[in-house]
Protein backbone atom coordinates (compact mmCIF):
# COMPACT_ATOMS: atom_id res chain seq x y z
CA MET A 1 116.62 169.40 151.86
CA ILE A 2 114.52 170.68 148.98
CA GLU A 3 116.11 173.59 146.66
CA SER A 4 115.03 176.80 148.56
CA SER A 5 112.17 178.30 146.65
CA PRO A 6 112.80 182.12 146.46
CA GLY A 7 109.65 182.61 147.33
CA LEU A 8 110.49 181.64 150.86
CA HIS A 9 113.92 182.18 151.74
CA GLY A 10 114.54 184.22 154.52
CA GLU A 11 110.90 184.09 155.34
CA CYS A 12 109.00 183.61 158.91
CA VAL A 13 106.23 181.78 157.88
CA ALA A 14 102.80 181.49 160.38
CA PHE A 15 99.54 179.47 159.59
CA THR A 16 96.36 180.14 160.68
CA GLY A 17 92.66 178.66 160.30
CA THR A 18 92.26 174.90 159.03
CA LEU A 19 94.33 173.95 155.79
CA ALA A 20 92.57 172.32 153.20
CA SER A 21 95.72 170.80 151.80
CA MET A 22 97.67 169.28 154.54
CA THR A 23 98.07 169.21 158.36
CA HIS A 24 99.84 172.33 159.84
CA GLN A 25 102.87 170.13 160.51
CA ARG A 26 103.05 169.08 157.06
CA ALA A 27 103.20 172.57 156.09
CA ALA A 28 105.71 173.63 158.71
CA GLU A 29 108.18 171.35 157.05
CA TYR A 30 107.37 172.44 153.84
CA VAL A 31 108.73 176.15 155.08
CA VAL A 32 111.62 174.66 156.59
CA ASP A 33 112.21 172.26 153.29
CA HIS A 34 112.09 175.90 151.11
CA GLY A 35 114.85 178.12 153.35
CA GLY A 36 112.35 179.61 155.51
CA GLU A 37 111.62 179.55 159.37
CA THR A 38 108.08 178.43 160.92
CA MET A 39 106.82 180.32 163.42
CA SER A 40 103.40 179.53 166.10
CA HIS A 41 102.75 182.92 166.34
CA VAL A 42 102.86 186.27 165.05
CA SER A 43 105.40 188.64 165.94
CA ALA A 44 107.75 191.57 164.92
CA ARG A 45 109.55 189.22 163.05
CA THR A 46 106.44 187.26 160.70
CA THR A 47 107.05 187.74 156.90
CA MET A 48 104.18 185.82 155.88
CA LEU A 49 100.63 184.86 156.91
CA VAL A 50 99.25 181.88 155.27
CA ILE A 51 95.41 181.59 155.62
CA GLY A 52 93.79 177.72 155.51
CA GLU A 53 91.06 177.45 153.41
CA GLU A 54 88.61 174.87 155.09
CA GLY A 55 86.18 177.49 155.86
CA TRP A 56 87.05 181.15 157.67
CA PRO A 57 89.56 182.16 160.06
CA LEU A 58 87.20 182.59 162.49
CA GLU A 59 87.40 182.53 166.31
CA SER A 60 84.54 180.73 168.20
CA ASP A 61 83.24 184.94 169.01
CA GLY A 62 83.04 185.26 165.74
CA ARG A 63 85.77 187.52 165.14
CA PRO A 64 89.39 186.89 162.90
CA SER A 65 91.36 185.10 164.66
CA GLN A 66 94.27 185.95 166.79
CA LYS A 67 96.91 185.65 164.02
CA LEU A 68 94.86 187.13 161.45
CA ALA A 69 94.21 190.26 163.81
CA LYS A 70 97.86 190.76 165.11
CA ALA A 71 98.88 190.36 161.46
CA ILE A 72 96.29 193.24 160.70
CA GLU A 73 97.61 195.08 163.43
CA PHE A 74 101.33 194.95 162.44
CA VAL A 75 100.32 195.88 158.66
CA ARG A 76 98.47 199.19 159.59
CA ASP A 77 101.67 199.68 161.83
CA GLY A 78 103.99 199.80 158.88
CA ALA A 79 105.00 196.06 159.07
CA ASP A 80 105.75 194.42 156.04
CA ILE A 81 103.86 190.88 156.15
CA ARG A 82 102.16 189.43 153.25
CA VAL A 83 98.96 187.78 154.05
CA LEU A 84 98.19 184.91 151.51
CA GLY A 85 95.31 182.29 150.88
CA GLU A 86 96.75 178.78 151.15
CA SER A 87 96.10 178.44 147.62
CA ASP A 88 98.47 181.08 146.20
CA TRP A 89 101.14 179.44 149.21
CA LEU A 90 101.17 176.29 147.29
CA ARG A 91 101.55 178.03 144.30
CA LEU A 92 104.46 179.80 145.66
CA ILE A 93 106.35 176.78 147.17
CA GLY A 94 105.91 175.08 143.71
CA GLU A 95 102.97 172.46 144.82
CA GLY A 96 100.41 173.92 142.58
CA GLU A 97 99.40 170.67 141.89
CA ARG A 98 97.77 170.37 145.65
CA ASP A 99 95.53 173.16 144.75
CA ALA A 100 93.56 170.57 142.37
CA ASP A 101 92.86 168.86 145.69
CA ILE A 102 91.11 172.32 147.56
CA ARG A 103 89.64 173.02 144.20
CA ARG A 104 87.91 169.48 143.69
CA THR A 105 84.08 169.38 143.80
CA TYR A 106 81.86 167.28 145.62
CA THR A 107 78.42 165.85 145.69
CA PRO A 108 76.11 166.04 148.29
CA ALA A 109 76.52 162.45 149.65
CA MET A 110 80.55 163.07 149.45
CA LEU A 111 80.61 166.49 151.52
CA SER A 112 78.34 164.55 154.08
CA GLN A 113 80.31 161.77 155.22
CA LEU A 114 83.69 164.76 154.38
CA LEU A 115 82.00 167.93 156.82
CA GLY A 116 79.42 165.39 159.18
CA ILE A 117 75.90 167.40 157.98
CA PRO A 118 72.90 165.91 156.74
CA VAL A 119 72.76 165.27 152.59
CA GLY A 120 69.19 167.40 153.78
CA VAL A 121 70.79 170.35 154.88
CA ILE A 122 73.00 170.30 152.20
CA ARG A 123 70.05 170.38 149.76
CA ARG A 124 68.11 172.89 151.79
CA TRP A 125 71.42 174.83 151.54
CA GLU A 126 70.79 174.97 148.18
CA ARG A 127 67.30 175.75 147.52
CA LEU A 128 67.91 178.69 150.43
CA GLY A 129 70.40 179.74 147.34
CA LEU A 130 73.88 179.76 150.01
CA ILE A 131 75.27 176.96 147.69
CA ARG A 132 75.05 177.06 144.08
CA PRO A 133 76.00 173.77 142.23
CA VAL A 134 79.53 174.50 140.34
CA LYS A 135 78.15 171.76 137.94
CA ARG A 136 75.41 169.11 137.26
CA VAL A 137 75.51 166.27 135.87
CA CYS A 138 72.45 164.07 135.22
CA ARG A 139 70.87 165.70 138.08
CA LEU A 140 73.72 165.29 140.31
CA PRO A 141 74.87 168.41 141.53
CA TYR A 142 78.94 168.76 142.39
CA PHE A 143 79.94 171.81 145.14
CA ASP A 144 82.84 173.40 145.43
CA TYR A 145 84.30 172.46 149.04
CA GLN A 146 85.50 175.55 150.80
CA GLU A 147 82.09 177.57 149.47
CA VAL A 148 80.25 174.58 152.02
CA THR A 149 83.04 174.72 154.35
CA GLY A 150 82.35 178.57 154.59
CA VAL A 151 78.82 178.25 155.11
CA ARG A 152 78.75 175.48 157.42
CA ARG A 153 80.92 178.00 159.84
CA LEU A 154 79.36 180.69 159.22
CA ALA A 155 76.00 178.50 160.61
CA GLU A 156 77.92 177.15 163.01
CA LEU A 157 78.79 180.68 164.70
CA LEU A 158 74.91 182.21 164.15
CA THR A 159 73.56 179.04 166.01
CA ALA A 160 76.37 179.70 168.67
CA GLY A 161 74.60 183.47 169.08
CA VAL A 162 77.55 185.56 167.61
CA SER A 163 75.70 188.42 165.74
CA HIS A 164 75.48 189.31 162.33
CA ASN A 165 77.09 192.24 162.90
CA GLU A 166 80.10 190.77 164.24
CA LEU A 167 80.27 188.08 161.41
CA GLU A 168 79.91 191.35 158.74
CA THR A 169 82.92 193.28 160.67
CA SER A 170 84.76 190.35 160.52
CA LEU A 171 84.25 189.21 156.94
CA LEU A 172 85.17 192.94 155.93
CA ALA A 173 88.27 192.87 158.06
CA ILE A 174 89.42 189.33 156.33
CA ARG A 175 88.64 191.03 152.95
CA ASP A 176 90.73 193.88 153.21
CA ALA A 177 93.53 191.57 154.39
CA ILE A 178 93.37 188.92 151.48
CA GLY A 179 90.87 189.86 148.85
CA THR A 180 86.95 190.09 147.93
CA VAL A 181 84.74 187.97 150.38
CA ASP A 182 81.22 189.44 149.19
CA CYS A 183 79.89 185.64 148.60
CA PRO A 184 80.40 185.01 152.07
CA LEU A 185 78.88 188.50 153.18
CA ALA A 186 75.88 187.59 150.73
CA GLN A 187 75.95 183.98 152.34
CA LEU A 188 75.82 185.57 155.76
CA ASP A 189 72.67 187.88 155.04
CA ILE A 190 70.60 184.97 153.82
CA LEU A 191 71.58 182.52 156.75
CA VAL A 192 70.44 185.87 159.07
CA GLN A 193 66.72 186.58 157.19
CA ASP A 194 66.59 182.40 157.12
CA ALA A 195 67.11 182.52 161.12
CA HIS A 196 64.62 185.00 161.85
CA VAL A 197 61.91 183.55 159.55
CA VAL A 198 58.74 182.22 161.92
CA TYR A 199 55.51 180.88 161.70
CA ARG A 200 52.89 180.57 164.32
CA ASP A 201 50.74 177.71 164.98
CA SER A 202 47.97 177.49 167.84
CA ARG A 203 50.63 177.67 170.91
CA GLY A 204 52.67 180.58 169.31
CA LEU A 205 55.39 180.97 167.22
CA VAL A 206 58.13 178.88 166.05
CA GLN A 207 61.45 178.77 164.23
CA PRO A 208 61.22 176.70 160.99
CA VAL A 209 64.74 175.52 160.80
CA THR A 210 65.26 174.74 164.95
CA GLY A 211 61.77 173.84 165.52
CA GLN A 212 62.61 175.92 168.89
CA ARG A 213 59.59 177.20 170.13
CA LEU A 214 59.62 181.02 170.68
CA PHE A 215 58.58 183.23 173.62
CA GLU A 216 56.42 186.29 173.17
CA PHE A 217 56.41 188.73 175.61
CA ASP A 218 53.26 190.95 174.02
CA PRO A 219 51.35 188.24 172.30
CA PRO A 220 49.28 189.61 169.95
CA ASP A 221 45.43 190.20 169.95
CA ASP A 222 43.27 188.03 168.36
CA ASP A 223 41.38 190.86 167.25
CA CYS A 224 44.31 192.97 165.83
CA PRO A 225 46.27 192.67 162.80
CA GLU A 226 50.09 191.11 163.19
CA ASP A 227 53.10 193.84 162.80
CA ALA A 228 54.65 192.36 159.57
CA ASN A 229 58.11 193.45 161.24
CA ASP A 230 57.66 191.18 164.37
CA ILE A 231 56.81 188.13 162.25
CA HIS A 232 57.26 186.48 158.62
CA PRO A 233 54.80 183.60 158.42
CA LEU A 234 55.15 180.95 155.71
CA PRO A 235 52.48 182.36 153.57
CA GLY A 236 49.74 179.75 151.75
CA VAL A 237 51.56 176.93 154.07
CA LEU A 238 50.07 176.57 157.47
CA ASP A 239 46.86 177.26 159.25
CA ARG A 240 46.44 178.15 163.04
CA ASP A 241 46.95 174.62 163.85
CA ASN A 242 50.30 173.95 162.30
CA GLN A 243 48.19 171.96 159.63
CA PRO A 244 48.96 172.33 155.90
CA GLU A 245 46.40 174.14 154.77
CA THR A 246 44.04 172.76 151.78
CA GLY A 247 44.50 174.28 147.94
CA MET A 248 48.16 174.89 147.77
CA SER A 249 50.25 174.83 144.72
CA PRO A 250 52.52 171.99 144.31
CA ALA A 251 55.61 174.38 145.11
CA GLN A 252 53.70 175.26 148.42
CA TRP A 253 53.08 171.81 149.03
CA PHE A 254 56.53 170.23 148.13
CA ALA A 255 58.12 173.48 150.02
CA GLU A 256 56.15 172.40 152.96
CA ALA A 257 57.94 168.74 152.57
CA CYS A 258 61.24 170.05 152.63
CA ARG A 259 60.33 172.20 155.79
CA LEU A 260 59.15 169.40 157.62
CA ALA A 261 61.62 166.55 156.48
CA GLU A 262 64.45 168.72 158.41
CA HIS A 263 62.77 167.13 161.45
CA ASN A 264 63.31 163.30 162.51
CA ASP A 265 59.97 163.47 164.17
CA GLN A 266 58.03 165.37 161.08
CA LEU A 267 59.13 162.67 158.45
CA GLU A 268 55.18 161.17 158.12
CA ALA A 269 54.17 164.44 157.99
CA ALA A 270 56.66 165.37 155.26
CA ALA A 271 55.54 161.89 153.30
CA SER A 272 52.01 163.26 153.67
CA ALA A 273 53.00 166.67 152.21
CA CYS A 274 54.78 164.95 149.47
CA ARG A 275 51.86 162.86 148.36
CA ARG A 276 49.89 166.24 148.63
CA CYS A 277 52.51 167.58 146.17
CA LEU A 278 52.18 164.67 143.78
CA LYS A 279 48.18 164.54 143.98
CA ALA A 280 47.81 168.07 143.37
CA LEU A 281 50.24 167.61 139.80
CA ASP A 282 47.80 165.16 139.16
CA PHE A 283 49.90 162.70 138.64
CA ARG A 284 47.65 160.75 136.21
CA ASP A 285 48.33 163.69 133.67
CA ARG A 286 51.50 161.69 131.52
CA SER A 287 51.94 165.23 129.72
CA SER A 288 53.40 166.21 133.07
CA LEU A 289 56.40 163.57 133.02
CA VAL A 290 57.46 164.43 129.77
CA MET A 291 57.52 168.16 130.06
CA GLU A 292 61.19 169.49 129.84
CA PRO A 293 62.18 169.81 133.55
CA ASP A 294 65.17 172.68 134.76
CA ASP A 295 68.43 171.64 136.44
CA ARG A 296 66.42 171.46 139.77
CA GLY A 297 64.09 169.48 138.12
CA PHE A 298 61.44 171.97 138.19
CA GLY A 299 58.71 172.59 135.47
CA ARG A 300 55.86 174.99 133.98
CA ALA A 301 55.37 177.27 136.95
CA ASP A 302 58.11 176.76 139.05
CA ALA A 303 56.43 173.12 139.73
CA PRO A 304 58.16 170.55 141.30
CA GLN A 305 58.27 167.49 138.62
CA PRO A 306 56.42 164.23 139.87
CA GLY A 307 60.44 162.82 139.61
CA ILE A 308 62.06 164.80 141.86
CA VAL A 309 59.17 164.64 144.26
CA ASN A 310 59.15 160.53 143.84
CA PHE A 311 62.79 160.97 144.94
CA HIS A 312 62.52 163.12 148.07
CA LEU A 313 59.67 161.04 149.01
CA ALA A 314 61.65 157.69 148.66
CA GLU A 315 64.31 159.31 151.15
CA LEU A 316 61.73 160.10 153.63
CA LEU A 317 60.91 156.41 153.26
CA TYR A 318 64.18 155.31 154.07
CA ARG A 319 64.87 157.85 157.02
CA MET A 320 61.63 156.03 158.32
CA GLY A 321 63.05 152.25 157.82
CA ASN A 322 60.22 151.68 154.94
CA LEU A 323 63.16 150.48 152.54
CA GLU A 324 60.61 148.54 150.27
CA GLY A 325 58.74 151.64 150.06
CA ALA A 326 62.09 153.46 149.33
CA VAL A 327 62.69 150.87 146.69
CA GLU A 328 59.60 151.40 145.15
CA ARG A 329 59.21 155.54 145.06
CA TYR A 330 63.09 155.51 143.77
CA HIS A 331 61.56 153.20 140.80
CA VAL A 332 58.59 155.94 140.12
CA ALA A 333 61.55 158.93 140.19
CA ILE A 334 63.33 156.84 137.69
CA GLU A 335 60.57 155.77 135.26
CA CYS A 336 59.71 159.43 135.36
CA ASP A 337 63.24 160.69 134.54
CA PRO A 338 65.12 157.75 133.59
CA GLY A 339 68.58 160.39 133.49
CA HIS A 340 68.45 161.06 137.08
CA VAL A 341 71.81 159.50 137.94
CA GLU A 342 71.30 159.92 141.87
CA ALA A 343 68.17 157.86 141.79
CA TRP A 344 69.66 154.86 140.38
CA THR A 345 72.66 155.24 142.78
CA LEU A 346 70.46 155.56 145.99
CA LEU A 347 68.51 152.82 144.36
CA GLY A 348 71.68 150.34 144.27
CA CYS A 349 72.48 151.62 147.95
CA VAL A 350 68.83 150.58 149.35
CA LEU A 351 68.69 147.32 147.41
CA ILE A 352 72.06 146.44 148.97
CA GLU A 353 70.82 146.69 152.22
CA ILE A 354 67.73 144.46 151.63
CA GLN A 355 70.17 141.79 150.04
CA GLN A 356 69.07 142.16 146.53
CA PHE A 357 72.72 142.18 145.40
CA ASP A 358 72.16 141.33 142.02
CA THR A 359 69.35 144.05 141.27
CA ALA A 360 71.68 146.53 142.87
CA GLU A 361 74.49 145.88 141.01
CA ASP A 362 72.21 146.47 137.87
CA ALA A 363 71.17 150.04 139.40
CA LEU A 364 74.81 151.23 139.97
CA ASN A 365 76.04 149.97 137.00
CA THR A 366 72.96 152.09 135.14
CA ALA A 367 74.17 154.91 137.28
CA LEU A 368 77.81 154.62 135.61
CA ALA A 369 76.18 154.03 132.40
CA LEU A 370 74.91 157.61 132.82
CA HIS A 371 77.71 159.23 134.35
CA PRO A 372 80.80 157.28 134.10
CA ASP A 373 82.53 159.46 136.69
CA CYS A 374 79.87 159.30 139.20
CA PRO A 375 81.74 159.39 142.40
CA ASP A 376 79.30 157.80 144.50
CA ALA A 377 78.30 154.90 142.10
CA HIS A 378 82.03 153.85 141.78
CA PHE A 379 82.35 153.59 145.84
CA HIS A 380 78.98 151.86 146.39
CA LEU A 381 79.56 149.38 143.66
CA ALA A 382 83.14 148.84 144.62
CA SER A 383 81.32 147.89 148.07
CA LEU A 384 79.26 145.73 146.39
CA LEU A 385 81.57 143.87 144.85
CA ASP A 386 83.66 143.53 148.37
CA ARG A 387 80.99 142.42 150.13
CA VAL A 388 80.51 139.16 147.78
CA ASP A 389 84.00 138.16 147.35
CA ARG A 390 84.49 139.65 144.00
CA GLN A 391 87.65 142.13 145.64
CA GLN A 392 89.38 142.32 142.08
CA GLU A 393 86.57 143.95 140.35
CA ALA A 394 86.15 145.91 143.34
CA VAL A 395 89.63 147.27 143.45
CA THR A 396 88.65 149.10 139.76
CA HIS A 397 86.06 151.21 141.24
CA TRP A 398 88.07 151.68 144.50
CA LYS A 399 90.64 153.61 142.31
CA GLN A 400 88.45 155.41 140.47
CA TYR A 401 86.85 156.59 143.54
CA LEU A 402 90.28 158.06 144.55
CA GLU A 403 90.73 159.99 141.28
CA PHE A 404 87.60 162.41 142.69
CA ASP A 405 88.51 162.18 146.66
CA VAL A 406 91.41 162.21 148.17
CA ARG A 407 90.79 163.32 152.09
CA GLY A 408 86.78 162.02 153.53
CA PRO A 409 86.27 158.86 155.17
CA TRP A 410 85.34 157.41 151.91
CA ALA A 411 88.53 158.14 150.45
CA GLU A 412 89.94 156.55 154.00
CA ASN A 413 88.22 153.40 152.95
CA ALA A 414 89.07 153.27 149.79
CA ARG A 415 92.61 153.25 150.40
CA GLN A 416 92.23 150.44 153.29
CA ARG A 417 90.33 148.43 150.98
CA LEU A 418 93.29 148.52 148.42
CA ASP A 419 95.98 148.27 150.64
CA ALA A 420 94.01 144.62 151.78
CA ALA A 421 93.17 143.33 148.10
CA THR A 422 97.50 143.95 147.50
CA THR A 423 98.01 142.32 150.58
CA ASP A 424 95.76 139.29 149.67
CA ASN A 425 97.57 138.94 146.22
CA GLY A 426 101.04 138.93 148.03
CA ASP A 427 102.04 142.20 146.19
């Protein structure tokens, strides 16, 4: 048995929510090893409740988890129950280094694999301000895992029909129990506002997030102006036939492309909007290529840079199955912005698919020359080297990838590949 921690000796510990650092079973073993007792539910004997930090401890109806609600009730009645976040509990038992696993940052591609969220959704959440990169390196954004899982949970509950008021009440109750949740409250407001943004086409109202058509009990008279409180159109983006208006700004064309890209049956229209954006930017004006953009790839008058538009167009062409077209557009994006590490990485991925292995290796090595700690590039280069029977070279990149990811499917793949390489070598 591990020497008992003074912080757990005599404690009766329960867990709620999904733990980000380990399974509930392993956490229970830690409690016992440190002299405490684990409980499957919260009762008058409970002295500590640990809240997992993968998402928020909310039930399917949007209310706080039953264990948390019970603990709050006992505390109000005078019980001495400590409610701790997972990170605080890890430090209490001397496992603070595991907190680094919880606080790891992830690229959009890594999060997509880890959480089953399309990359486009992650990019959209960033555009809405729901999530903010912890850092950017050569245009590649890194996001806090907890922030993304929290947004995902709130979005799931709103989609399931849980009301804004119910979720707000629940988050306030969690704040009273474990501290501030001001950021999730702000995220909730953004999600709710976005869910109620609609536009009108010739057949009625459409919810742009899901593409769902909305039923109007009292359609407005064509001769009467619409009530601004009943409908929030996307200004300057759509005409009455659900077609983009002419004379739009580059930023409006790009916004339209991003909106359409969220629907698999609108990819052609999204690609067309990207091309219209490039035309509006006047791609022939080479001065636009050297204008210093901000971290998002936007420049003068909040207009997207040609490199960013071509990057999105390449992704659209890839989703449409036009791999050769995607390669061409990634090259254009790189021409516009040679330091765009994500463009180099994705170019390498597409080249692997069309079996241009040497060129793919060059692209991925260029990405790593720009950003030596780029996890995506390490993973895909390792996969490529493994595919062409250069396993020992791949091992280096599998190991480097695992320095950045310990829990996702890519990490599991890397561990399996390393085990296979060790077995092949007879070690």
